[in-house]
PDB file of N, CA and C in Angstrom:
ATOM      1  N   MET A   1       0.821  -1.186   0.000  1.00  0.00           N
ATOM      2  CA  MET A   1       0.000   0.000   0.000  1.00  0.00           C
ATOM      3  C   MET A   1       0.868   1.254   0.000  1.00  0.00           C
ATOM      4  N   LEU A   2       1.810   1.325   0.968  1.00  0.00           N
ATOM      5  CA  LEU A   2       2.698   2.479   1.055  1.00  0.00           C
ATOM      6  C   LEU A   2       3.582   2.573  -0.180  1.00  0.00           C
ATOM      7  N   ALA A   3       4.036   1.417  -0.662  1.00  0.00           N
ATOM      8  CA  ALA A   3       4.874   1.410  -1.856  1.00  0.00           C
ATOM      9  C   ALA A   3       4.119   1.964  -3.053  1.00  0.00           C
ATOM     10  N   GLY A   4       2.830   1.651  -3.145  1.00  0.00           N
ATOM     11  CA  GLY A   4       2.020   2.157  -4.253  1.00  0.00           C
ATOM     12  C   GLY A   4       1.841   3.657  -4.179  1.00  0.00           C
ATOM     13  N   ALA A   5       1.626   4.178  -2.964  1.00  0.00           N
ATOM     14  CA  ALA A   5       1.459   5.627  -2.789  1.00  0.00           C
ATOM     15  C   ALA A   5       2.753   6.355  -3.112  1.00  0.00           C
ATOM     16  N   LEU A   6       3.868   5.771  -2.666  1.00  0.00           N
ATOM     17  CA  LEU A   6       5.171   6.373  -2.939  1.00  0.00           C
ATOM     18  C   LEU A   6       5.461   6.371  -4.430  1.00  0.00           C
ATOM     19  N   ALA A   7       5.162   5.285  -5.099  1.00  0.00           N
ATOM     20  CA  ALA A   7       5.384   5.210  -6.543  1.00  0.00           C
ATOM     21  C   ALA A   7       4.520   6.229  -7.267  1.00  0.00           C
ATOM     22  N   GLY A   8       3.291   6.421  -6.796  1.00  0.00           N
ATOM     23  CA  GLY A   8       2.406   7.404  -7.416  1.00  0.00           C
ATOM     24  C   GLY A   8       2.921   8.819  -7.226  1.00  0.00           C
ATOM     25  N   ALA A   9       3.452   9.107  -6.027  1.00  0.00           N
ATOM     26  CA  ALA A   9       3.989  10.447  -5.757  1.00  0.00           C
ATOM     27  C   ALA A   9       5.207  10.717  -6.621  1.00  0.00           C
ATOM     28  N   LEU A  10       6.056   9.705  -6.763  1.00  0.00           N
ATOM     29  CA  LEU A  10       7.238   9.876  -7.601  1.00  0.00           C
ATOM     30  C   LEU A  10       6.860  10.071  -9.059  1.00  0.00           C
ATOM     31  N   ALA A  11       5.851   9.365  -9.501  1.00  0.00           N
ATOM     32  CA  ALA A  11       5.425   9.465 -10.896  1.00  0.00           C
ATOM     33  C   ALA A  11       4.850  10.839 -11.208  1.00  0.00           C
ATOM     34  N   THR A  12       4.220  11.470 -10.230  1.00  0.00           N
ATOM     35  CA  THR A  12       3.631  12.789 -10.483  1.00  0.00           C
ATOM     36  C   THR A  12       4.612  13.920 -10.228  1.00  0.00           C
ATOM     37  N   GLY A  13       5.801  13.600  -9.790  1.00  0.00           N
ATOM     38  CA  GLY A  13       6.823  14.628  -9.639  1.00  0.00           C
ATOM     39  C   GLY A  13       6.869  15.264  -8.270  1.00  0.00           C
ATOM     40  N   CYS A  14       6.165  14.753  -7.304  1.00  0.00           N
ATOM     41  CA  CYS A  14       6.204  15.245  -5.925  1.00  0.00           C
ATOM     42  C   CYS A  14       6.014  16.743  -5.822  1.00  0.00           C
ATOM     43  N   GLY A  15       5.090  17.284  -6.552  1.00  0.00           N
ATOM     44  CA  GLY A  15       4.809  18.705  -6.429  1.00  0.00           C
ATOM     45  C   GLY A  15       5.709  19.581  -7.263  1.00  0.00           C
ATOM     46  N   ALA A  16       6.414  19.018  -8.207  1.00  0.00           N
ATOM     47  CA  ALA A  16       7.268  19.822  -9.075  1.00  0.00           C
ATOM     48  C   ALA A  16       6.390  20.661  -9.981  1.00  0.00           C
ATOM     49  N   PRO A  17       6.880  21.783 -10.470  1.00  0.00           N
ATOM     50  CA  PRO A  17       6.089  22.607 -11.381  1.00  0.00           C
ATOM     51  C   PRO A  17       5.644  21.792 -12.589  1.00  0.00           C
ATOM     52  N   ALA A  18       4.460  22.073 -13.071  1.00  0.00           N
ATOM     53  CA  ALA A  18       3.922  21.368 -14.235  1.00  0.00           C
ATOM     54  C   ALA A  18       4.794  21.608 -15.451  1.00  0.00           C
ATOM     55  N   ASP A  19       5.336  22.800 -15.576  1.00  0.00           N
ATOM     56  CA  ASP A  19       6.170  23.158 -16.716  1.00  0.00           C
ATOM     57  C   ASP A  19       7.492  23.690 -16.171  1.00  0.00           C
ATOM     58  N   PRO A  20       8.594  22.944 -16.331  1.00  0.00           N
ATOM     59  CA  PRO A  20       9.877  23.394 -15.802  1.00  0.00           C
ATOM     60  C   PRO A  20      10.292  24.772 -16.328  1.00  0.00           C
ATOM     61  N   ALA A  21       9.821  25.151 -17.497  1.00  0.00           N
ATOM     62  CA  ALA A  21      10.153  26.469 -18.042  1.00  0.00           C
ATOM     63  C   ALA A  21       9.368  27.566 -17.336  1.00  0.00           C
ATOM     64  N   ASP A  22       8.277  27.198 -16.636  1.00  0.00           N
ATOM     65  CA  ASP A  22       7.438  28.166 -15.926  1.00  0.00           C
ATOM     66  C   ASP A  22       7.390  27.767 -14.455  1.00  0.00           C
ATOM     67  N   PRO A  23       8.372  28.260 -13.633  1.00  0.00           N
ATOM     68  CA  PRO A  23       8.445  27.842 -12.244  1.00  0.00           C
ATOM     69  C   PRO A  23       7.193  28.164 -11.450  1.00  0.00           C
ATOM     70  N   GLY A  24       6.362  29.080 -11.893  1.00  0.00           N
ATOM     71  CA  GLY A  24       5.148  29.418 -11.167  1.00  0.00           C
ATOM     72  C   GLY A  24       3.927  28.700 -11.681  1.00  0.00           C
ATOM     73  N   ALA A  25       4.098  27.727 -12.565  1.00  0.00           N
ATOM     74  CA  ALA A  25       2.959  27.044 -13.177  1.00  0.00           C
ATOM     75  C   ALA A  25       2.121  26.284 -12.167  1.00  0.00           C
ATOM     76  N   ASP A  26       2.713  25.852 -11.057  1.00  0.00           N
ATOM     77  CA  ASP A  26       1.924  25.130 -10.060  1.00  0.00           C
ATOM     78  C   ASP A  26       1.306  26.068  -9.034  1.00  0.00           C
ATOM     79  N   GLY A  27       1.436  27.367  -9.252  1.00  0.00           N
ATOM     80  CA  GLY A  27       0.846  28.346  -8.355  1.00  0.00           C
ATOM     81  C   GLY A  27       1.758  28.748  -7.210  1.00  0.00           C
ATOM     82  N   ALA A  28       2.906  28.122  -7.088  1.00  0.00           N
ATOM     83  CA  ALA A  28       3.816  28.453  -5.987  1.00  0.00           C
ATOM     84  C   ALA A  28       4.611  29.711  -6.313  1.00  0.00           C
ATOM     85  N   ASP A  29       4.825  30.515  -5.300  1.00  0.00           N
ATOM     86  CA  ASP A  29       5.636  31.728  -5.462  1.00  0.00           C
ATOM     87  C   ASP A  29       7.086  31.352  -5.192  1.00  0.00           C
ATOM     88  N   ARG A  30       7.897  31.327  -6.218  1.00  0.00           N
ATOM     89  CA  ARG A  30       9.290  30.948  -6.071  1.00  0.00           C
ATOM     90  C   ARG A  30      10.215  32.163  -6.108  1.00  0.00           C
ATOM     91  N   ALA A  31       9.672  33.335  -6.016  1.00  0.00           N
ATOM     92  CA  ALA A  31      10.489  34.546  -6.109  1.00  0.00           C
ATOM     93  C   ALA A  31      11.434  34.684  -4.926  1.00  0.00           C
ATOM     94  N   HIS A  32      11.073  34.118  -3.783  1.00  0.00           N
ATOM     95  CA  HIS A  32      11.884  34.310  -2.583  1.00  0.00           C
ATOM     96  C   HIS A  32      12.469  33.005  -2.072  1.00  0.00           C
ATOM     97  N   THR A  33      12.865  32.129  -2.957  1.00  0.00           N
ATOM     98  CA  THR A  33      13.367  30.835  -2.525  1.00  0.00           C
ATOM     99  C   THR A  33      14.879  30.794  -2.413  1.00  0.00           C
ATOM    100  N   THR A  34      15.582  31.790  -2.878  1.00  0.00           N
ATOM    101  CA  THR A  34      17.031  31.770  -2.774  1.00  0.00           C
ATOM    102  C   THR A  34      17.451  32.331  -1.426  1.00  0.00           C
ATOM    103  N   ALA A  35      18.487  31.745  -0.869  1.00  0.00           N
ATOM    104  CA  ALA A  35      19.005  32.208   0.419  1.00  0.00           C
ATOM    105  C   ALA A  35      19.727  33.535   0.223  1.00  0.00           C
ATOM    106  N   PRO A  36      19.618  34.418   1.190  1.00  0.00           N
ATOM    107  CA  PRO A  36      20.345  35.683   1.075  1.00  0.00           C
ATOM    108  C   PRO A  36      21.843  35.423   1.149  1.00  0.00           C
ATOM    109  N   ALA A  37      22.593  36.265   0.498  1.00  0.00           N
ATOM    110  CA  ALA A  37      24.046  36.132   0.523  1.00  0.00           C
ATOM    111  C   ALA A  37      24.546  36.391   1.938  1.00  0.00           C
ATOM    112  N   ALA A  38      25.527  35.621   2.348  1.00  0.00           N
ATOM    113  CA  ALA A  38      26.098  35.805   3.681  1.00  0.00           C
ATOM    114  C   ALA A  38      26.841  37.135   3.740  1.00  0.00           C
ATOM    115  N   ALA A  39      26.653  37.833   4.825  1.00  0.00           N
ATOM    116  CA  ALA A  39      27.347  39.109   5.005  1.00  0.00           C
ATOM    117  C   ALA A  39      28.802  38.823   5.340  1.00  0.00           C
ATOM    118  N   SER A  40      29.689  39.504   4.685  1.00  0.00           N
ATOM    119  CA  SER A  40      31.099  39.322   4.984  1.00  0.00           C
ATOM    120  C   SER A  40      31.558  40.442   5.904  1.00  0.00           C
ATOM    121  N   SER A  41      32.511  40.117   6.724  1.00  0.00           N
ATOM    122  CA  SER A  41      33.044  41.102   7.654  1.00  0.00           C
ATOM    123  C   SER A  41      34.013  42.007   6.914  1.00  0.00           C
ATOM    124  N   SER A  42      33.796  43.288   7.032  1.00  0.00           N
ATOM    125  CA  SER A  42      34.703  44.224   6.379  1.00  0.00           C
ATOM    126  C   SER A  42      35.607  44.893   7.398  1.00  0.00           C
ATOM    127  N   VAL A  43      35.603  44.399   8.645  1.00  0.00           N
ATOM    128  CA  VAL A  43      36.436  44.966   9.695  1.00  0.00           C
ATOM    129  C   VAL A  43      37.798  44.282   9.641  1.00  0.00           C
ATOM    130  N   PRO A  44      38.864  45.060   9.474  1.00  0.00           N
ATOM    131  CA  PRO A  44      40.204  44.465   9.433  1.00  0.00           C
ATOM    132  C   PRO A  44      40.531  43.749  10.746  1.00  0.00           C
ATOM    133  N   PRO A  45      41.297  42.668  10.690  1.00  0.00           N
ATOM    134  CA  PRO A  45      41.590  41.891  11.898  1.00  0.00           C
ATOM    135  C   PRO A  45      42.293  42.696  12.984  1.00  0.00           C
ATOM    136  N   GLU A  46      43.130  43.652  12.602  1.00  0.00           N
ATOM    137  CA  GLU A  46      43.801  44.449  13.633  1.00  0.00           C
ATOM    138  C   GLU A  46      42.817  45.349  14.379  1.00  0.00           C
ATOM    139  N   ASP A  47      41.723  45.743  13.726  1.00  0.00           N
ATOM    140  CA  ASP A  47      40.685  46.526  14.406  1.00  0.00           C
ATOM    141  C   ASP A  47      39.915  45.658  15.400  1.00  0.00           C
ATOM    142  N   LEU A  48      39.595  44.435  14.996  1.00  0.00           N
ATOM    143  CA  LEU A  48      38.922  43.517  15.919  1.00  0.00           C
ATOM    144  C   LEU A  48      39.818  43.208  17.111  1.00  0.00           C
ATOM    145  N   CYS A  49      41.084  42.970  16.846  1.00  0.00           N
ATOM    146  CA  CYS A  49      42.060  42.715  17.898  1.00  0.00           C
ATOM    147  C   CYS A  49      42.110  43.897  18.862  1.00  0.00           C
ATOM    148  N   THR A  50      42.168  45.113  18.318  1.00  0.00           N
ATOM    149  CA  THR A  50      42.229  46.313  19.150  1.00  0.00           C
ATOM    150  C   THR A  50      41.011  46.406  20.056  1.00  0.00           C
ATOM    151  N   ARG A  51      39.843  46.147  19.504  1.00  0.00           N
ATOM    152  CA  ARG A  51      38.611  46.233  20.304  1.00  0.00           C
ATOM    153  C   ARG A  51      38.618  45.253  21.458  1.00  0.00           C
ATOM    154  N   VAL A  52      38.951  43.998  21.162  1.00  0.00           N
ATOM    155  CA  VAL A  52      38.885  42.973  22.201  1.00  0.00           C
ATOM    156  C   VAL A  52      39.989  43.171  23.240  1.00  0.00           C
ATOM    157  N   VAL A  53      41.183  43.542  22.807  1.00  0.00           N
ATOM    158  CA  VAL A  53      42.281  43.764  23.749  1.00  0.00           C
ATOM    159  C   VAL A  53      41.988  44.978  24.632  1.00  0.00           C
ATOM    160  N   ALA A  54      41.485  46.057  24.055  1.00  0.00           N
ATOM    161  CA  ALA A  54      41.154  47.247  24.845  1.00  0.00           C
ATOM    162  C   ALA A  54      40.044  46.929  25.854  1.00  0.00           C
ATOM    163  N   HIS A  55      39.020  46.213  25.404  1.00  0.00           N
ATOM    164  CA  HIS A  55      37.920  45.855  26.311  1.00  0.00           C
ATOM    165  C   HIS A  55      38.435  45.079  27.514  1.00  0.00           C
ATOM    166  N   TRP A  56      39.170  44.001  27.253  1.00  0.00           N
ATOM    167  CA  TRP A  56      39.632  43.158  28.348  1.00  0.00           C
ATOM    168  C   TRP A  56      40.721  43.835  29.163  1.00  0.00           C
ATOM    169  N   SER A  57      41.483  44.727  28.570  1.00  0.00           N
ATOM    170  CA  SER A  57      42.475  45.487  29.344  1.00  0.00           C
ATOM    171  C   SER A  57      41.780  46.326  30.402  1.00  0.00           C
ATOM    172  N   ARG A  58      40.677  46.946  30.035  1.00  0.00           N
ATOM    173  CA  ARG A  58      39.908  47.744  31.006  1.00  0.00           C
ATOM    174  C   ARG A  58      39.330  46.859  32.108  1.00  0.00           C
ATOM    175  N   GLU A  59      38.830  45.690  31.726  1.00  0.00           N
ATOM    176  CA  GLU A  59      38.274  44.769  32.721  1.00  0.00           C
ATOM    177  C   GLU A  59      39.348  44.319  33.706  1.00  0.00           C
ATOM    178  N   VAL A  60      40.518  43.983  33.196  1.00  0.00           N
ATOM    179  CA  VAL A  60      41.614  43.537  34.060  1.00  0.00           C
ATOM    180  C   VAL A  60      42.089  44.691  34.935  1.00  0.00           C
ATOM    181  N   LEU A  61      42.238  45.867  34.359  1.00  0.00           N
ATOM    182  CA  LEU A  61      42.689  47.033  35.118  1.00  0.00           C
ATOM    183  C   LEU A  61      41.708  47.363  36.243  1.00  0.00           C
ATOM    184  N   ASP A  62      40.423  47.225  35.975  1.00  0.00           N
ATOM    185  CA  ASP A  62      39.402  47.505  36.990  1.00  0.00           C
ATOM    186  C   ASP A  62      39.241  46.358  37.989  1.00  0.00           C
ATOM    187  N   GLY A  63      39.912  45.245  37.728  1.00  0.00           N
ATOM    188  CA  GLY A  63      39.850  44.113  38.640  1.00  0.00           C
ATOM    189  C   GLY A  63      38.571  43.307  38.554  1.00  0.00           C
ATOM    190  N   THR A  64      37.868  43.375  37.421  1.00  0.00           N
ATOM    191  CA  THR A  64      36.598  42.660  37.300  1.00  0.00           C
ATOM    192  C   THR A  64      36.734  41.317  36.596  1.00  0.00           C
ATOM    193  N   THR A  65      37.948  40.884  36.316  1.00  0.00           N
ATOM    194  CA  THR A  65      38.172  39.572  35.712  1.00  0.00           C
ATOM    195  C   THR A  65      39.439  38.980  36.303  1.00  0.00           C
ATOM    196  N   TYR A  66      39.550  37.665  36.240  1.00  0.00           N
ATOM    197  CA  TYR A  66      40.712  37.016  36.835  1.00  0.00           C
ATOM    198  C   TYR A  66      41.827  36.774  35.830  1.00  0.00           C
ATOM    199  N   GLY A  67      41.618  37.079  34.566  1.00  0.00           N
ATOM    200  CA  GLY A  67      42.700  37.065  33.601  1.00  0.00           C
ATOM    201  C   GLY A  67      42.968  35.788  32.845  1.00  0.00           C
ATOM    202  N   ASP A  68      42.002  34.892  32.703  1.00  0.00           N
ATOM    203  CA  ASP A  68      42.179  33.697  31.896  1.00  0.00           C
ATOM    204  C   ASP A  68      41.940  34.057  30.430  1.00  0.00           C
ATOM    205  N   TYR A  69      43.004  34.034  29.633  1.00  0.00           N
ATOM    206  CA  TYR A  69      42.886  34.505  28.251  1.00  0.00           C
ATOM    207  C   TYR A  69      41.926  33.666  27.413  1.00  0.00           C
ATOM    208  N   GLN A  70      41.811  32.389  27.729  1.00  0.00           N
ATOM    209  CA  GLN A  70      40.903  31.548  26.949  1.00  0.00           C
ATOM    210  C   GLN A  70      39.447  31.914  27.203  1.00  0.00           C
ATOM    211  N   SER A  71      39.106  32.225  28.452  1.00  0.00           N
ATOM    212  CA  SER A  71      37.720  32.617  28.733  1.00  0.00           C
ATOM    213  C   SER A  71      37.404  33.989  28.147  1.00  0.00           C
ATOM    214  N   MET A  72      38.434  34.779  27.891  1.00  0.00           N
ATOM    215  CA  MET A  72      38.252  36.089  27.254  1.00  0.00           C
ATOM    216  C   MET A  72      38.127  35.956  25.740  1.00  0.00           C
ATOM    217  N   GLY A  73      38.462  34.787  25.216  1.00  0.00           N
ATOM    218  CA  GLY A  73      38.423  34.589  23.773  1.00  0.00           C
ATOM    219  C   GLY A  73      39.642  35.148  23.069  1.00  0.00           C
ATOM    220  N   LEU A  74      40.731  35.294  23.809  1.00  0.00           N
ATOM    221  CA  LEU A  74      41.956  35.849  23.237  1.00  0.00           C
ATOM    222  C   LEU A  74      42.912  34.735  22.838  1.00  0.00           C
ATOM    223  N   SER A  75      43.713  35.031  21.844  1.00  0.00           N
ATOM    224  CA  SER A  75      44.804  34.127  21.500  1.00  0.00           C
ATOM    225  C   SER A  75      45.973  34.437  22.430  1.00  0.00           C
ATOM    226  N   ASN A  76      46.974  33.597  22.388  1.00  0.00           N
ATOM    227  CA  ASN A  76      48.170  33.830  23.183  1.00  0.00           C
ATOM    228  C   ASN A  76      48.812  35.172  22.818  1.00  0.00           C
ATOM    229  N   GLY A  77      48.885  35.468  21.526  1.00  0.00           N
ATOM    230  CA  GLY A  77      49.484  36.733  21.086  1.00  0.00           C
ATOM    231  C   GLY A  77      48.699  37.943  21.558  1.00  0.00           C
ATOM    232  N   GLN A  78      47.374  37.868  21.494  1.00  0.00           N
ATOM    233  CA  GLN A  78      46.541  38.972  21.972  1.00  0.00           C
ATOM    234  C   GLN A  78      46.691  39.142  23.480  1.00  0.00           C
ATOM    235  N   TYR A  79      46.830  38.030  24.192  1.00  0.00           N
ATOM    236  CA  TYR A  79      46.988  38.101  25.643  1.00  0.00           C
ATOM    237  C   TYR A  79      48.320  38.750  26.016  1.00  0.00           C
ATOM    238  N   GLU A  80      49.351  38.482  25.246  1.00  0.00           N
ATOM    239  CA  GLU A  80      50.637  39.143  25.498  1.00  0.00           C
ATOM    240  C   GLU A  80      50.507  40.653  25.330  1.00  0.00           C
ATOM    241  N   ILE A  81      49.787  41.074  24.302  1.00  0.00           N
ATOM    242  CA  ILE A  81      49.540  42.507  24.098  1.00  0.00           C
ATOM    243  C   ILE A  81      48.777  43.055  25.300  1.00  0.00           C
ATOM    244  N   LEU A  82      47.731  42.362  25.730  1.00  0.00           N
ATOM    245  CA  LEU A  82      46.923  42.787  26.872  1.00  0.00           C
ATOM    246  C   LEU A  82      47.781  42.963  28.123  1.00  0.00           C
ATOM    247  N   ARG A  83      48.644  42.014  28.421  1.00  0.00           N
ATOM    248  CA  ARG A  83      49.478  42.123  29.632  1.00  0.00           C
ATOM    249  C   ARG A  83      50.366  43.352  29.585  1.00  0.00           C
ATOM    250  N   ASP A  84      50.963  43.615  28.434  1.00  0.00           N
ATOM    251  CA  ASP A  84      51.796  44.816  28.301  1.00  0.00           C
ATOM    252  C   ASP A  84      50.967  46.083  28.477  1.00  0.00           C
ATOM    253  N   VAL A  85      49.793  46.107  27.850  1.00  0.00           N
ATOM    254  CA  VAL A  85      48.910  47.277  27.931  1.00  0.00           C
ATOM    255  C   VAL A  85      48.478  47.517  29.374  1.00  0.00           C
ATOM    256  N   VAL A  86      48.075  46.468  30.079  1.00  0.00           N
ATOM    257  CA  VAL A  86      47.609  46.620  31.461  1.00  0.00           C
ATOM    258  C   VAL A  86      48.744  47.082  32.369  1.00  0.00           C
ATOM    259  N   ASP A  87      49.937  46.547  32.189  1.00  0.00           N
ATOM    260  CA  ASP A  87      51.080  46.998  32.999  1.00  0.00           C
ATOM    261  C   ASP A  87      51.313  48.494  32.823  1.00  0.00           C
ATOM    262  N   GLU A  88      51.307  48.950  31.579  1.00  0.00           N
ATOM    263  CA  GLU A  88      51.507  50.372  31.310  1.00  0.00           C
ATOM    264  C   GLU A  88      50.341  51.207  31.829  1.00  0.00           C
ATOM    265  N   ALA A  89      49.122  50.697  31.684  1.00  0.00           N
ATOM    266  CA  ALA A  89      47.938  51.440  32.122  1.00  0.00           C
ATOM    267  C   ALA A  89      47.898  51.588  33.644  1.00  0.00           C
ATOM    268  N   ARG A  90      48.349  50.577  34.373  1.00  0.00           N
ATOM    269  CA  ARG A  90      48.398  50.684  35.844  1.00  0.00           C
ATOM    270  C   ARG A  90      49.330  51.810  36.266  1.00  0.00           C
ATOM    271  N   ALA A  91      50.495  51.844  35.642  1.00  0.00           N
ATOM    272  CA  ALA A  91      51.450  52.908  35.964  1.00  0.00           C
ATOM    273  C   ALA A  91      50.884  54.274  35.589  1.00  0.00           C
ATOM    274  N   GLU A  92      50.252  54.362  34.430  1.00  0.00           N
ATOM    275  CA  GLU A  92      49.671  55.629  33.967  1.00  0.00           C
ATOM    276  C   GLU A  92      48.526  56.076  34.872  1.00  0.00           C
ATOM    277  N   LYS A  93      47.724  55.147  35.325  1.00  0.00           N
ATOM    278  CA  LYS A  93      46.605  55.477  36.218  1.00  0.00           C
ATOM    279  C   LYS A  93      47.126  56.061  37.534  1.00  0.00           C
ATOM    280  N   GLY A  94      48.214  55.500  38.038  1.00  0.00           N
ATOM    281  CA  GLY A  94      48.821  56.015  39.269  1.00  0.00           C
ATOM    282  C   GLY A  94      49.425  57.398  39.082  1.00  0.00           C
ATOM    283  N   ARG A  95      49.986  57.647  37.919  1.00  0.00           N
ATOM    284  CA  ARG A  95      50.627  58.935  37.621  1.00  0.00           C
ATOM    285  C   ARG A  95      49.630  60.014  37.251  1.00  0.00           C
ATOM    286  N   ALA A  96      48.714  59.686  36.333  1.00  0.00           N
ATOM    287  CA  ALA A  96      47.897  60.733  35.701  1.00  0.00           C
ATOM    288  C   ALA A  96      46.393  60.513  35.814  1.00  0.00           C
ATOM    289  N   GLY A  97      45.953  59.415  36.419  1.00  0.00           N
ATOM    290  CA  GLY A  97      44.522  59.204  36.614  1.00  0.00           C
ATOM    291  C   GLY A  97      43.894  58.245  35.614  1.00  0.00           C
ATOM    292  N   ALA A  98      42.610  57.973  35.871  1.00  0.00           N
ATOM    293  CA  ALA A  98      41.871  56.976  35.094  1.00  0.00           C
ATOM    294  C   ALA A  98      41.687  57.372  33.632  1.00  0.00           C
ATOM    295  N   ALA A  99      41.433  58.655  33.371  1.00  0.00           N
ATOM    296  CA  ALA A  99      41.216  59.088  31.980  1.00  0.00           C
ATOM    297  C   ALA A  99      42.482  58.901  31.149  1.00  0.00           C
ATOM    298  N   ALA A 100      43.629  59.192  31.736  1.00  0.00           N
ATOM    299  CA  ALA A 100      44.898  59.007  31.024  1.00  0.00           C
ATOM    300  C   ALA A 100      45.157  57.522  30.776  1.00  0.00           C
ATOM    301  N   ALA A 101      44.835  56.687  31.762  1.00  0.00           N
ATOM    302  CA  ALA A 101      45.007  55.239  31.593  1.00  0.00           C
ATOM    303  C   ALA A 101      44.092  54.716  30.492  1.00  0.00           C
ATOM    304  N   ASP A 102      42.873  55.230  30.436  1.00  0.00           N
ATOM    305  CA  ASP A 102      41.917  54.823  29.412  1.00  0.00           C
ATOM    306  C   ASP A 102      42.428  55.172  28.012  1.00  0.00           C
ATOM    307  N   ALA A 103      42.959  56.377  27.861  1.00  0.00           N
ATOM    308  CA  ALA A 103      43.512  56.792  26.565  1.00  0.00           C
ATOM    309  C   ALA A 103      44.723  55.937  26.200  1.00  0.00           C
ATOM    310  N   LEU A 104      45.545  55.631  27.193  1.00  0.00           N
ATOM    311  CA  LEU A 104      46.717  54.792  26.945  1.00  0.00           C
ATOM    312  C   LEU A 104      46.290  53.404  26.483  1.00  0.00           C
ATOM    313  N   ILE A 105      45.247  52.848  27.081  1.00  0.00           N
ATOM    314  CA  ILE A 105      44.762  51.520  26.677  1.00  0.00           C
ATOM    315  C   ILE A 105      44.385  51.521  25.201  1.00  0.00           C
ATOM    316  N   ASP A 106      43.621  52.521  24.775  1.00  0.00           N
ATOM    317  CA  ASP A 106      43.229  52.581  23.360  1.00  0.00           C
ATOM    318  C   ASP A 106      44.450  52.670  22.448  1.00  0.00           C
ATOM    319  N   ARG A 107      45.369  53.539  22.801  1.00  0.00           N
ATOM    320  CA  ARG A 107      46.551  53.772  21.965  1.00  0.00           C
ATOM    321  C   ARG A 107      47.459  52.547  21.912  1.00  0.00           C
ATOM    322  N   ARG A 108      47.782  51.983  23.079  1.00  0.00           N
ATOM    323  CA  ARG A 108      48.728  50.867  23.116  1.00  0.00           C
ATOM    324  C   ARG A 108      48.107  49.564  22.578  1.00  0.00           C
ATOM    325  N   ALA A 109      46.815  49.367  22.792  1.00  0.00           N
ATOM    326  CA  ALA A 109      46.165  48.180  22.216  1.00  0.00           C
ATOM    327  C   ALA A 109      46.238  48.257  20.696  1.00  0.00           C
ATOM    328  N   ARG A 110      45.959  49.430  20.157  1.00  0.00           N
ATOM    329  CA  ARG A 110      46.020  49.618  18.697  1.00  0.00           C
ATOM    330  C   ARG A 110      47.437  49.367  18.180  1.00  0.00           C
ATOM    331  N   GLU A 111      48.412  49.987  18.824  1.00  0.00           N
ATOM    332  CA  GLU A 111      49.806  49.817  18.387  1.00  0.00           C
ATOM    333  C   GLU A 111      50.231  48.351  18.452  1.00  0.00           C
ATOM    334  N   GLY A 112      49.880  47.680  19.544  1.00  0.00           N
ATOM    335  CA  GLY A 112      50.255  46.274  19.701  1.00  0.00           C
ATOM    336  C   GLY A 112      49.607  45.373  18.663  1.00  0.00           C
ATOM    337  N   CYS A 113      48.328  45.603  18.410  1.00  0.00           N
ATOM    338  CA  CYS A 113      47.616  44.763  17.435  1.00  0.00           C
ATOM    339  C   CYS A 113      48.094  45.016  16.008  1.00  0.00           C
ATOM    340  N   VAL A 114      48.336  46.267  15.670  1.00  0.00           N
ATOM    341  CA  VAL A 114      48.845  46.576  14.326  1.00  0.00           C
ATOM    342  C   VAL A 114      50.203  45.908  14.126  1.00  0.00           C
ATOM    343  N   ALA A 115      51.079  46.007  15.126  1.00  0.00           N
ATOM    344  CA  ALA A 115      52.403  45.386  15.018  1.00  0.00           C
ATOM    345  C   ALA A 115      52.281  43.864  14.929  1.00  0.00           C
ATOM    346  N   TRP A 116      51.380  43.293  15.705  1.00  0.00           N
ATOM    347  CA  TRP A 116      51.214  41.843  15.706  1.00  0.00           C
ATOM    348  C   TRP A 116      50.721  41.344  14.355  1.00  0.00           C
ATOM    349  N   TYR A 117      49.758  42.024  13.777  1.00  0.00           N
ATOM    350  CA  TYR A 117      49.255  41.603  12.466  1.00  0.00           C
ATOM    351  C   TYR A 117      50.245  41.913  11.354  1.00  0.00           C
ATOM    352  N   ARG A 118      51.040  42.938  11.509  1.00  0.00           N
ATOM    353  CA  ARG A 118      52.060  43.244  10.511  1.00  0.00           C
ATOM    354  C   ARG A 118      53.079  42.108  10.435  1.00  0.00           C
ATOM    355  N   SER A 119      53.353  41.474  11.591  1.00  0.00           N
ATOM    356  CA  SER A 119      54.333  40.391  11.615  1.00  0.00           C
ATOM    357  C   SER A 119      53.702  39.019  11.411  1.00  0.00           C
ATOM    358  N   GLY A 120      52.419  38.970  11.051  1.00  0.00           N
ATOM    359  CA  GLY A 120      51.787  37.702  10.717  1.00  0.00           C
ATOM    360  C   GLY A 120      50.543  37.383  11.510  1.00  0.00           C
ATOM    361  N   GLY A 121      50.429  37.900  12.724  1.00  0.00           N
ATOM    362  CA  GLY A 121      49.231  37.649  13.522  1.00  0.00           C
ATOM    363  C   GLY A 121      49.088  36.192  13.901  1.00  0.00           C
ATOM    364  N   PRO A 122      47.866  35.757  14.174  1.00  0.00           N
ATOM    365  CA  PRO A 122      47.665  34.370  14.585  1.00  0.00           C
ATOM    366  C   PRO A 122      47.980  33.404  13.454  1.00  0.00           C
ATOM    367  N   GLY A 123      48.456  32.266  13.840  1.00  0.00           N
ATOM    368  CA  GLY A 123      48.767  31.254  12.839  1.00  0.00           C
ATOM    369  C   GLY A 123      50.213  31.296  12.384  1.00  0.00           C
ATOM    370  N   GLU A 124      50.916  32.315  12.765  1.00  0.00           N
ATOM    371  CA  GLU A 124      52.333  32.411  12.423  1.00  0.00           C
ATOM    372  C   GLU A 124      53.138  32.086  13.675  1.00  0.00           C
ATOM    373  N   GLY A 125      53.883  31.023  13.631  1.00  0.00           N
ATOM    374  CA  GLY A 125      54.666  30.636  14.794  1.00  0.00           C
ATOM    375  C   GLY A 125      53.863  29.724  15.709  1.00  0.00           C
ATOM    376  N   PRO A 126      54.501  29.256  16.776  1.00  0.00           N
ATOM    377  CA  PRO A 126      53.833  28.311  17.666  1.00  0.00           C
ATOM    378  C   PRO A 126      52.756  28.976  18.519  1.00  0.00           C
ATOM    379  N   TRP A 127      51.526  28.457  18.410  1.00  0.00           N
ATOM    380  CA  TRP A 127      50.366  28.859  19.209  1.00  0.00           C
ATOM    381  C   TRP A 127      50.281  30.367  19.380  1.00  0.00           C
ATOM    382  N   GLN A 128      50.182  31.055  18.306  1.00  0.00           N
ATOM    383  CA  GLN A 128      50.047  32.507  18.349  1.00  0.00           C
ATOM    384  C   GLN A 128      48.637  32.885  18.034  1.00  0.00           C
TER     385      GLN A 128
END
């Protein structure tokens, strides 16, 4: 019984358009059946690196995280940049205050990430 129904469905084309040249011949609207193109990221990797390193540098400086680079989503290379930035920001905060430390974080994170990507970034060298 089931085999007969299946054979009948296959013979009728399982709902395929009556006329392959006219995709709307069966009354179906096929105008919106294609998937939208995937959006590509146009943000350069050094900009993404700068954002994430600056964010976590502020968190570490404020003492709101314990500093596990993997839980932060950082690579080993990004974490090295973060440690340098936080060390400098602590000294700057003591000398010139929180606003100066904040500006230093933005500047040094950017410089570190640009230099890191200029020399190859992640994937170049052991566990970078």
